[in-house]
PDB file of N, CA and C in Angstrom:
ATOM      1  N   MET A   1     175.025 -21.810 -43.241  1.00  0.00           N
ATOM      2  CA  MET A   1     175.344 -23.076 -43.850  1.00  0.00           C
ATOM      3  C   MET A   1     175.916 -24.017 -42.785  1.00  0.00           C
ATOM      4  N   GLN A   2     175.480 -25.285 -42.844  1.00  0.00           N
ATOM      5  CA  GLN A   2     175.932 -26.245 -41.858  1.00  0.00           C
ATOM      6  C   GLN A   2     177.339 -26.734 -42.161  1.00  0.00           C
ATOM      7  N   LYS A   3     178.057 -26.999 -41.110  1.00  0.00           N
ATOM      8  CA  LYS A   3     179.405 -27.514 -41.230  1.00  0.00           C
ATOM      9  C   LYS A   3     179.330 -29.007 -41.575  1.00  0.00           C
ATOM     10  N   ARG A   4     180.186 -29.477 -42.477  1.00  0.00           N
ATOM     11  CA  ARG A   4     180.218 -30.886 -42.822  1.00  0.00           C
ATOM     12  C   ARG A   4     181.094 -31.626 -41.823  1.00  0.00           C
ATOM     13  N   LYS A   5     180.704 -32.853 -41.485  1.00  0.00           N
ATOM     14  CA  LYS A   5     181.431 -33.667 -40.532  1.00  0.00           C
ATOM     15  C   LYS A   5     181.758 -35.021 -41.141  1.00  0.00           C
ATOM     16  N   CYS A   6     182.700 -35.698 -40.550  1.00  0.00           N
ATOM     17  CA  CYS A   6     182.995 -37.076 -40.944  1.00  0.00           C
ATOM     18  C   CYS A   6     182.077 -38.022 -40.192  1.00  0.00           C
ATOM     19  N   CYS A   7     181.644 -39.018 -40.891  1.00  0.00           N
ATOM     20  CA  CYS A   7     180.872 -40.071 -40.251  1.00  0.00           C
ATOM     21  C   CYS A   7     181.817 -40.842 -39.340  1.00  0.00           C
ATOM     22  N   ARG A   8     181.406 -41.092 -38.113  1.00  0.00           N
ATOM     23  CA  ARG A   8     182.289 -41.745 -37.144  1.00  0.00           C
ATOM     24  C   ARG A   8     182.383 -43.245 -37.324  1.00  0.00           C
ATOM     25  N   ASN A   9     181.568 -43.805 -38.179  1.00  0.00           N
ATOM     26  CA  ASN A   9     181.643 -45.239 -38.430  1.00  0.00           C
ATOM     27  C   ASN A   9     182.990 -45.556 -39.074  1.00  0.00           C
ATOM     28  N   LYS A  10     183.725 -46.480 -38.497  1.00  0.00           N
ATOM     29  CA  LYS A  10     185.057 -46.797 -38.990  1.00  0.00           C
ATOM     30  C   LYS A  10     185.024 -47.334 -40.417  1.00  0.00           C
ATOM     31  N   ASN A  11     183.950 -47.968 -40.812  1.00  0.00           N
ATOM     32  CA  ASN A  11     183.839 -48.520 -42.164  1.00  0.00           C
ATOM     33  C   ASN A  11     183.530 -47.449 -43.194  1.00  0.00           C
ATOM     34  N   CYS A  12     182.966 -46.323 -42.774  1.00  0.00           N
ATOM     35  CA  CYS A  12     182.487 -45.307 -43.720  1.00  0.00           C
ATOM     36  C   CYS A  12     183.482 -44.166 -43.873  1.00  0.00           C
ATOM     37  N   GLY A  13     183.572 -43.331 -42.877  1.00  0.00           N
ATOM     38  CA  GLY A  13     184.496 -42.204 -42.903  1.00  0.00           C
ATOM     39  C   GLY A  13     184.170 -41.115 -43.908  1.00  0.00           C
ATOM     40  N   GLU A  14     183.021 -41.195 -44.575  1.00  0.00           N
ATOM     41  CA  GLU A  14     182.638 -40.186 -45.569  1.00  0.00           C
ATOM     42  C   GLU A  14     182.087 -38.940 -44.890  1.00  0.00           C
ATOM     43  N   LEU A  15     182.176 -37.813 -45.571  1.00  0.00           N
ATOM     44  CA  LEU A  15     181.602 -36.566 -45.065  1.00  0.00           C
ATOM     45  C   LEU A  15     180.100 -36.566 -45.273  1.00  0.00           C
ATOM     46  N   PHE A  16     179.389 -35.979 -44.334  1.00  0.00           N
ATOM     47  CA  PHE A  16     177.939 -35.848 -44.469  1.00  0.00           C
ATOM     48  C   PHE A  16     177.493 -34.594 -43.753  1.00  0.00           C
ATOM     49  N   THR A  17     176.332 -34.107 -44.128  1.00  0.00           N
ATOM     50  CA  THR A  17     175.748 -32.935 -43.485  1.00  0.00           C
ATOM     51  C   THR A  17     174.751 -33.408 -42.441  1.00  0.00           C
ATOM     52  N   PRO A  18     174.953 -33.060 -41.175  1.00  0.00           N
ATOM     53  CA  PRO A  18     174.009 -33.486 -40.139  1.00  0.00           C
ATOM     54  C   PRO A  18     172.617 -32.916 -40.383  1.00  0.00           C
ATOM     55  N   CYS A  19     171.629 -33.647 -39.969  1.00  0.00           N
ATOM     56  CA  CYS A  19     170.240 -33.208 -40.053  1.00  0.00           C
ATOM     57  C   CYS A  19     170.074 -31.953 -39.190  1.00  0.00           C
ATOM     58  N   ARG A  20     169.296 -30.986 -39.647  1.00  0.00           N
ATOM     59  CA  ARG A  20     169.099 -29.752 -38.896  1.00  0.00           C
ATOM     60  C   ARG A  20     168.530 -29.998 -37.510  1.00  0.00           C
ATOM     61  N   GLN A  21     167.643 -30.991 -37.400  1.00  0.00           N
ATOM     62  CA  GLN A  21     167.008 -31.277 -36.117  1.00  0.00           C
ATOM     63  C   GLN A  21     167.954 -31.999 -35.145  1.00  0.00           C
ATOM     64  N   VAL A  22     169.057 -32.560 -35.671  1.00  0.00           N
ATOM     65  CA  VAL A  22     170.003 -33.312 -34.838  1.00  0.00           C
ATOM     66  C   VAL A  22     171.409 -32.791 -35.105  1.00  0.00           C
ATOM     67  N   PRO A  23     171.746 -31.622 -34.580  1.00  0.00           N
ATOM     68  CA  PRO A  23     173.047 -31.027 -34.881  1.00  0.00           C
ATOM     69  C   PRO A  23     174.227 -31.830 -34.348  1.00  0.00           C
ATOM     70  N   THR A  24     173.992 -32.699 -33.363  1.00  0.00           N
ATOM     71  CA  THR A  24     175.081 -33.515 -32.816  1.00  0.00           C
ATOM     72  C   THR A  24     175.184 -34.881 -33.492  1.00  0.00           C
ATOM     73  N   GLN A  25     174.522 -35.048 -34.607  1.00  0.00           N
ATOM     74  CA  GLN A  25     174.529 -36.320 -35.340  1.00  0.00           C
ATOM     75  C   GLN A  25     175.955 -36.744 -35.655  1.00  0.00           C
ATOM     76  N   GLU A  26     176.266 -38.005 -35.372  1.00  0.00           N
ATOM     77  CA  GLU A  26     177.619 -38.503 -35.572  1.00  0.00           C
ATOM     78  C   GLU A  26     177.720 -39.578 -36.640  1.00  0.00           C
ATOM     79  N   TYR A  27     176.603 -40.093 -37.100  1.00  0.00           N
ATOM     80  CA  TYR A  27     176.588 -41.157 -38.098  1.00  0.00           C
ATOM     81  C   TYR A  27     175.746 -40.728 -39.297  1.00  0.00           C
ATOM     82  N   CYS A  28     176.180 -41.115 -40.475  1.00  0.00           N
ATOM     83  CA  CYS A  28     175.390 -40.799 -41.668  1.00  0.00           C
ATOM     84  C   CYS A  28     174.216 -41.781 -41.765  1.00  0.00           C
ATOM     85  N   SER A  29     173.413 -41.670 -42.792  1.00  0.00           N
ATOM     86  CA  SER A  29     172.198 -42.462 -42.878  1.00  0.00           C
ATOM     87  C   SER A  29     172.378 -43.799 -43.589  1.00  0.00           C
ATOM     88  N   LYS A  30     173.599 -44.142 -43.951  1.00  0.00           N
ATOM     89  CA  LYS A  30     173.820 -45.450 -44.581  1.00  0.00           C
ATOM     90  C   LYS A  30     173.427 -46.559 -43.619  1.00  0.00           C
ATOM     91  N   LYS A  31     172.965 -47.651 -44.198  1.00  0.00           N
ATOM     92  CA  LYS A  31     172.484 -48.759 -43.390  1.00  0.00           C
ATOM     93  C   LYS A  31     173.568 -49.290 -42.446  1.00  0.00           C
ATOM     94  N   GLU A  32     174.791 -49.471 -42.965  1.00  0.00           N
ATOM     95  CA  GLU A  32     175.852 -50.011 -42.102  1.00  0.00           C
ATOM     96  C   GLU A  32     176.248 -49.023 -41.000  1.00  0.00           C
ATOM     97  N   CYS A  33     176.157 -47.729 -41.268  1.00  0.00           N
ATOM     98  CA  CYS A  33     176.463 -46.720 -40.245  1.00  0.00           C
ATOM     99  C   CYS A  33     175.388 -46.723 -39.157  1.00  0.00           C
ATOM    100  N   GLN A  34     174.137 -46.840 -39.553  1.00  0.00           N
ATOM    101  CA  GLN A  34     173.055 -46.881 -38.578  1.00  0.00           C
ATOM    102  C   GLN A  34     173.129 -48.152 -37.739  1.00  0.00           C
ATOM    103  N   ARG A  35     173.531 -49.249 -38.361  1.00  0.00           N
ATOM    104  CA  ARG A  35     173.711 -50.495 -37.628  1.00  0.00           C
ATOM    105  C   ARG A  35     174.818 -50.334 -36.578  1.00  0.00           C
ATOM    106  N   ALA A  36     175.907 -49.678 -36.960  1.00  0.00           N
ATOM    107  CA  ALA A  36     177.012 -49.435 -36.023  1.00  0.00           C
ATOM    108  C   ALA A  36     176.562 -48.514 -34.894  1.00  0.00           C
ATOM    109  N   ARG A  37     175.744 -47.504 -35.208  1.00  0.00           N
ATOM    110  CA  ARG A  37     175.230 -46.588 -34.191  1.00  0.00           C
ATOM    111  C   ARG A  37     174.382 -47.345 -33.169  1.00  0.00           C
ATOM    112  N   LYS A  38     173.502 -48.209 -33.661  1.00  0.00           N
ATOM    113  CA  LYS A  38     172.641 -48.971 -32.766  1.00  0.00           C
ATOM    114  C   LYS A  38     173.464 -49.935 -31.914  1.00  0.00           C
ATOM    115  N   LYS A  39     174.456 -50.570 -32.518  1.00  0.00           N
ATOM    116  CA  LYS A  39     175.318 -51.491 -31.784  1.00  0.00           C
ATOM    117  C   LYS A  39     176.049 -50.768 -30.654  1.00  0.00           C
ATOM    118  N   GLU A  40     176.559 -49.590 -30.941  1.00  0.00           N
ATOM    119  CA  GLU A  40     177.252 -48.786 -29.940  1.00  0.00           C
ATOM    120  C   GLU A  40     176.301 -48.371 -28.810  1.00  0.00           C
ATOM    121  N   TRP A  41     175.070 -47.968 -29.175  1.00  0.00           N
ATOM    122  CA  TRP A  41     174.087 -47.570 -28.174  1.00  0.00           C
ATOM    123  C   TRP A  41     173.768 -48.749 -27.258  1.00  0.00           C
ATOM    124  N   ASN A  42     173.545 -49.928 -27.866  1.00  0.00           N
ATOM    125  CA  ASN A  42     173.238 -51.115 -27.070  1.00  0.00           C
ATOM    126  C   ASN A  42     174.384 -51.476 -26.133  1.00  0.00           C
ATOM    127  N   ARG A  43     175.609 -51.386 -26.627  1.00  0.00           N
ATOM    128  CA  ARG A  43     176.777 -51.710 -25.817  1.00  0.00           C
ATOM    129  C   ARG A  43     176.850 -50.786 -24.592  1.00  0.00           C
ATOM    130  N   LYS A  44     176.668 -49.494 -24.821  1.00  0.00           N
ATOM    131  CA  LYS A  44     176.712 -48.532 -23.720  1.00  0.00           C
ATOM    132  C   LYS A  44     175.546 -48.729 -22.751  1.00  0.00           C
ATOM    133  N   LYS A  45     174.370 -48.982 -23.284  1.00  0.00           N
ATOM    134  CA  LYS A  45     173.180 -49.166 -22.452  1.00  0.00           C
ATOM    135  C   LYS A  45     173.324 -50.408 -21.570  1.00  0.00           C
ATOM    136  N   LEU A  46     173.822 -51.499 -22.138  1.00  0.00           N
ATOM    137  CA  LEU A  46     174.012 -52.717 -21.354  1.00  0.00           C
ATOM    138  C   LEU A  46     175.048 -52.522 -20.247  1.00  0.00           C
ATOM    139  N   ALA A  47     176.073 -51.740 -20.541  1.00  0.00           N
ATOM    140  CA  ALA A  47     177.121 -51.502 -19.549  1.00  0.00           C
ATOM    141  C   ALA A  47     176.637 -50.597 -18.418  1.00  0.00           C
ATOM    142  N   ALA A  48     175.734 -49.678 -18.705  1.00  0.00           N
ATOM    143  CA  ALA A  48     175.369 -48.649 -17.735  1.00  0.00           C
ATOM    144  C   ALA A  48     174.036 -48.881 -17.023  1.00  0.00           C
ATOM    145  N   ASP A  49     173.135 -49.640 -17.624  1.00  0.00           N
ATOM    146  CA  ASP A  49     171.767 -49.710 -17.104  1.00  0.00           C
ATOM    147  C   ASP A  49     171.413 -51.133 -16.664  1.00  0.00           C
ATOM    148  N   GLU A  50     171.393 -51.356 -15.371  1.00  0.00           N
ATOM    149  CA  GLU A  50     171.089 -52.681 -14.816  1.00  0.00           C
ATOM    150  C   GLU A  50     169.670 -53.126 -15.169  1.00  0.00           C
ATOM    151  N   ASP A  51     168.707 -52.204 -15.129  1.00  0.00           N
ATOM    152  CA  ASP A  51     167.321 -52.556 -15.461  1.00  0.00           C
ATOM    153  C   ASP A  51     167.205 -53.023 -16.912  1.00  0.00           C
ATOM    154  N   TYR A  52     167.888 -52.344 -17.801  1.00  0.00           N
ATOM    155  CA  TYR A  52     167.873 -52.724 -19.227  1.00  0.00           C
ATOM    156  C   TYR A  52     168.477 -54.115 -19.397  1.00  0.00           C
ATOM    157  N   ARG A  53     169.599 -54.374 -18.697  1.00  0.00           N
ATOM    158  CA  ARG A  53     170.253 -55.682 -18.768  1.00  0.00           C
ATOM    159  C   ARG A  53     169.314 -56.789 -18.296  1.00  0.00           C
ATOM    160  N   GLU A  54     168.638 -56.536 -17.176  1.00  0.00           N
ATOM    161  CA  GLU A  54     167.703 -57.525 -16.632  1.00  0.00           C
ATOM    162  C   GLU A  54     166.528 -57.754 -17.574  1.00  0.00           C
ATOM    163  N   ALA A  55     166.010 -56.683 -18.159  1.00  0.00           N
ATOM    164  CA  ALA A  55     164.884 -56.813 -19.091  1.00  0.00           C
ATOM    165  C   ALA A  55     165.290 -57.628 -20.317  1.00  0.00           C
ATOM    166  N   ARG A  56     166.490 -57.375 -20.849  1.00  0.00           N
ATOM    167  CA  ARG A  56     166.979 -58.156 -21.993  1.00  0.00           C
ATOM    168  C   ARG A  56     167.137 -59.627 -21.630  1.00  0.00           C
ATOM    169  N   ARG A  57     167.723 -59.872 -20.445  1.00  0.00           N
ATOM    170  CA  ARG A  57     167.937 -61.253 -19.990  1.00  0.00           C
ATOM    171  C   ARG A  57     166.596 -61.961 -19.817  1.00  0.00           C
ATOM    172  N   ASP A  58     165.610 -61.278 -19.208  1.00  0.00           N
ATOM    173  CA  ASP A  58     164.289 -61.872 -19.006  1.00  0.00           C
ATOM    174  C   ASP A  58     163.592 -62.151 -20.332  1.00  0.00           C
ATOM    175  N   ALA A  59     163.727 -61.232 -21.268  1.00  0.00           N
ATOM    176  CA  ALA A  59     163.109 -61.427 -22.582  1.00  0.00           C
ATOM    177  C   ALA A  59     163.711 -62.633 -23.289  1.00  0.00           C
ATOM    178  N   GLN A  60     165.023 -62.789 -23.198  1.00  0.00           N
ATOM    179  CA  GLN A  60     165.669 -63.948 -23.813  1.00  0.00           C
ATOM    180  C   GLN A  60     165.234 -65.240 -23.142  1.00  0.00           C
ATOM    181  N   LYS A  61     165.146 -65.198 -21.824  1.00  0.00           N
ATOM    182  CA  LYS A  61     164.720 -66.378 -21.068  1.00  0.00           C
ATOM    183  C   LYS A  61     163.294 -66.776 -21.457  1.00  0.00           C
ATOM    184  N   ASN A  62     162.398 -65.792 -21.565  1.00  0.00           N
ATOM    185  CA  ASN A  62     161.015 -66.065 -21.958  1.00  0.00           C
ATOM    186  C   ASN A  62     160.935 -66.609 -23.371  1.00  0.00           C
ATOM    187  N   TRP A  63     161.744 -66.066 -24.280  1.00  0.00           N
ATOM    188  CA  TRP A  63     161.737 -66.553 -25.658  1.00  0.00           C
ATOM    189  C   TRP A  63     162.193 -68.014 -25.703  1.00  0.00           C
ATOM    190  N   ARG A  64     163.242 -68.336 -24.932  1.00  0.00           N
ATOM    191  CA  ARG A  64     163.724 -69.723 -24.902  1.00  0.00           C
ATOM    192  C   ARG A  64     162.664 -70.663 -24.342  1.00  0.00           C
ATOM    193  N   LYS A  65     161.894 -70.207 -23.350  1.00  0.00           N
ATOM    194  CA  LYS A  65     160.811 -71.031 -22.804  1.00  0.00           C
ATOM    195  C   LYS A  65     159.734 -71.293 -23.854  1.00  0.00           C
ATOM    196  N   LYS A  66     159.416 -70.266 -24.649  1.00  0.00           N
ATOM    197  CA  LYS A  66     158.374 -70.410 -25.673  1.00  0.00           C
ATOM    198  C   LYS A  66     158.848 -71.201 -26.887  1.00  0.00           C
ATOM    199  N   ASN A  67     160.169 -71.274 -27.091  1.00  0.00           N
ATOM    200  CA  ASN A  67     160.743 -71.960 -28.251  1.00  0.00           C
ATOM    201  C   ASN A  67     161.800 -72.974 -27.802  1.00  0.00           C
ATOM    202  N   PRO A  68     161.399 -73.993 -27.033  1.00  0.00           N
ATOM    203  CA  PRO A  68     162.386 -74.895 -26.445  1.00  0.00           C
ATOM    204  C   PRO A  68     163.150 -75.744 -27.468  1.00  0.00           C
ATOM    205  N   ASP A  69     162.549 -76.037 -28.600  1.00  0.00           N
ATOM    206  CA  ASP A  69     163.193 -76.900 -29.592  1.00  0.00           C
ATOM    207  C   ASP A  69     163.852 -76.126 -30.721  1.00  0.00           C
ATOM    208  N   TYR A  70     164.027 -74.822 -30.547  1.00  0.00           N
ATOM    209  CA  TYR A  70     164.587 -74.009 -31.623  1.00  0.00           C
ATOM    210  C   TYR A  70     165.960 -74.509 -32.065  1.00  0.00           C
ATOM    211  N   CYS A  71     166.858 -74.755 -31.128  1.00  0.00           N
ATOM    212  CA  CYS A  71     168.222 -75.175 -31.483  1.00  0.00           C
ATOM    213  C   CYS A  71     168.206 -76.506 -32.215  1.00  0.00           C
ATOM    214  N   LYS A  72     167.389 -77.433 -31.746  1.00  0.00           N
ATOM    215  CA  LYS A  72     167.308 -78.736 -32.388  1.00  0.00           C
ATOM    216  C   LYS A  72     166.819 -78.594 -33.833  1.00  0.00           C
ATOM    217  N   HIS A  73     165.784 -77.787 -34.045  1.00  0.00           N
ATOM    218  CA  HIS A  73     165.246 -77.584 -35.391  1.00  0.00           C
ATOM    219  C   HIS A  73     166.238 -76.826 -36.274  1.00  0.00           C
ATOM    220  N   TYR A  74     166.930 -75.863 -35.707  1.00  0.00           N
ATOM    221  CA  TYR A  74     167.913 -75.099 -36.466  1.00  0.00           C
ATOM    222  C   TYR A  74     169.025 -76.016 -36.963  1.00  0.00           C
ATOM    223  N   ARG A  75     169.543 -76.860 -36.060  1.00  0.00           N
ATOM    224  CA  ARG A  75     170.608 -77.777 -36.465  1.00  0.00           C
ATOM    225  C   ARG A  75     170.122 -78.776 -37.501  1.00  0.00           C
ATOM    226  N   ALA A  76     168.869 -79.190 -37.414  1.00  0.00           N
ATOM    227  CA  ALA A  76     168.316 -80.130 -38.399  1.00  0.00           C
ATOM    228  C   ALA A  76     168.238 -79.474 -39.783  1.00  0.00           C
ATOM    229  N   ARG A  77     167.970 -78.171 -39.822  1.00  0.00           N
ATOM    230  CA  ARG A  77     167.873 -77.460 -41.111  1.00  0.00           C
ATOM    231  C   ARG A  77     169.234 -77.047 -41.646  1.00  0.00           C
ATOM    232  N   GLN A  78     170.204 -76.814 -40.772  1.00  0.00           N
ATOM    233  CA  GLN A  78     171.507 -76.268 -41.167  1.00  0.00           C
ATOM    234  C   GLN A  78     172.597 -77.328 -41.019  1.00  0.00           C
ATOM    235  N   LYS A  79     172.664 -78.265 -41.957  1.00  0.00           N
ATOM    236  CA  LYS A  79     173.628 -79.365 -41.877  1.00  0.00           C
ATOM    237  C   LYS A  79     175.071 -78.844 -41.940  1.00  0.00           C
ATOM    238  N   ASP A  80     175.330 -77.818 -42.742  1.00  0.00           N
ATOM    239  CA  ASP A  80     176.678 -77.254 -42.849  1.00  0.00           C
ATOM    240  C   ASP A  80     177.149 -76.658 -41.519  1.00  0.00           C
ATOM    241  N   TYR A  81     176.225 -76.010 -40.820  1.00  0.00           N
ATOM    242  CA  TYR A  81     176.529 -75.413 -39.517  1.00  0.00           C
ATOM    243  C   TYR A  81     176.977 -76.494 -38.540  1.00  0.00           C
ATOM    244  N   VAL A  82     176.249 -77.618 -38.534  1.00  0.00           N
ATOM    245  CA  VAL A  82     176.565 -78.701 -37.621  1.00  0.00           C
ATOM    246  C   VAL A  82     177.939 -79.284 -37.931  1.00  0.00           C
ATOM    247  N   GLN A  83     178.217 -79.532 -39.211  1.00  0.00           N
ATOM    248  CA  GLN A  83     179.489 -80.113 -39.599  1.00  0.00           C
ATOM    249  C   GLN A  83     180.660 -79.184 -39.272  1.00  0.00           C
ATOM    250  N   LYS A  84     180.476 -77.886 -39.508  1.00  0.00           N
ATOM    251  CA  LYS A  84     181.537 -76.916 -39.262  1.00  0.00           C
ATOM    252  C   LYS A  84     181.909 -76.851 -37.786  1.00  0.00           C
ATOM    253  N   ASN A  85     180.949 -77.078 -36.906  1.00  0.00           N
ATOM    254  CA  ASN A  85     181.185 -76.965 -35.466  1.00  0.00           C
ATOM    255  C   ASN A  85     181.517 -78.278 -34.782  1.00  0.00           C
ATOM    256  N   ARG A  86     181.773 -79.306 -35.550  1.00  0.00           N
ATOM    257  CA  ARG A  86     182.168 -80.587 -34.942  1.00  0.00           C
ATOM    258  C   ARG A  86     183.661 -80.694 -34.880  1.00  0.00           C
TER     259      ARG A  86
END
């Protein structure tokens, strides 16, 4: 029988049974726990991997080139956002 563990997500803290294929599982399958797991992975990856950081930066730069008027259109659609930030 598998040992039950606490979900490491600070918002959850519930007990769960890890998947047999992933005995070191630290997060349960709830959507918010998986989101926290991915956020933590991204944070660690960005801190440790220069190539990953550069690839993310390049992808963002390319997206901004392809969508130069995004901010202008966003502000035109979101009047509350504009007022809140003035």
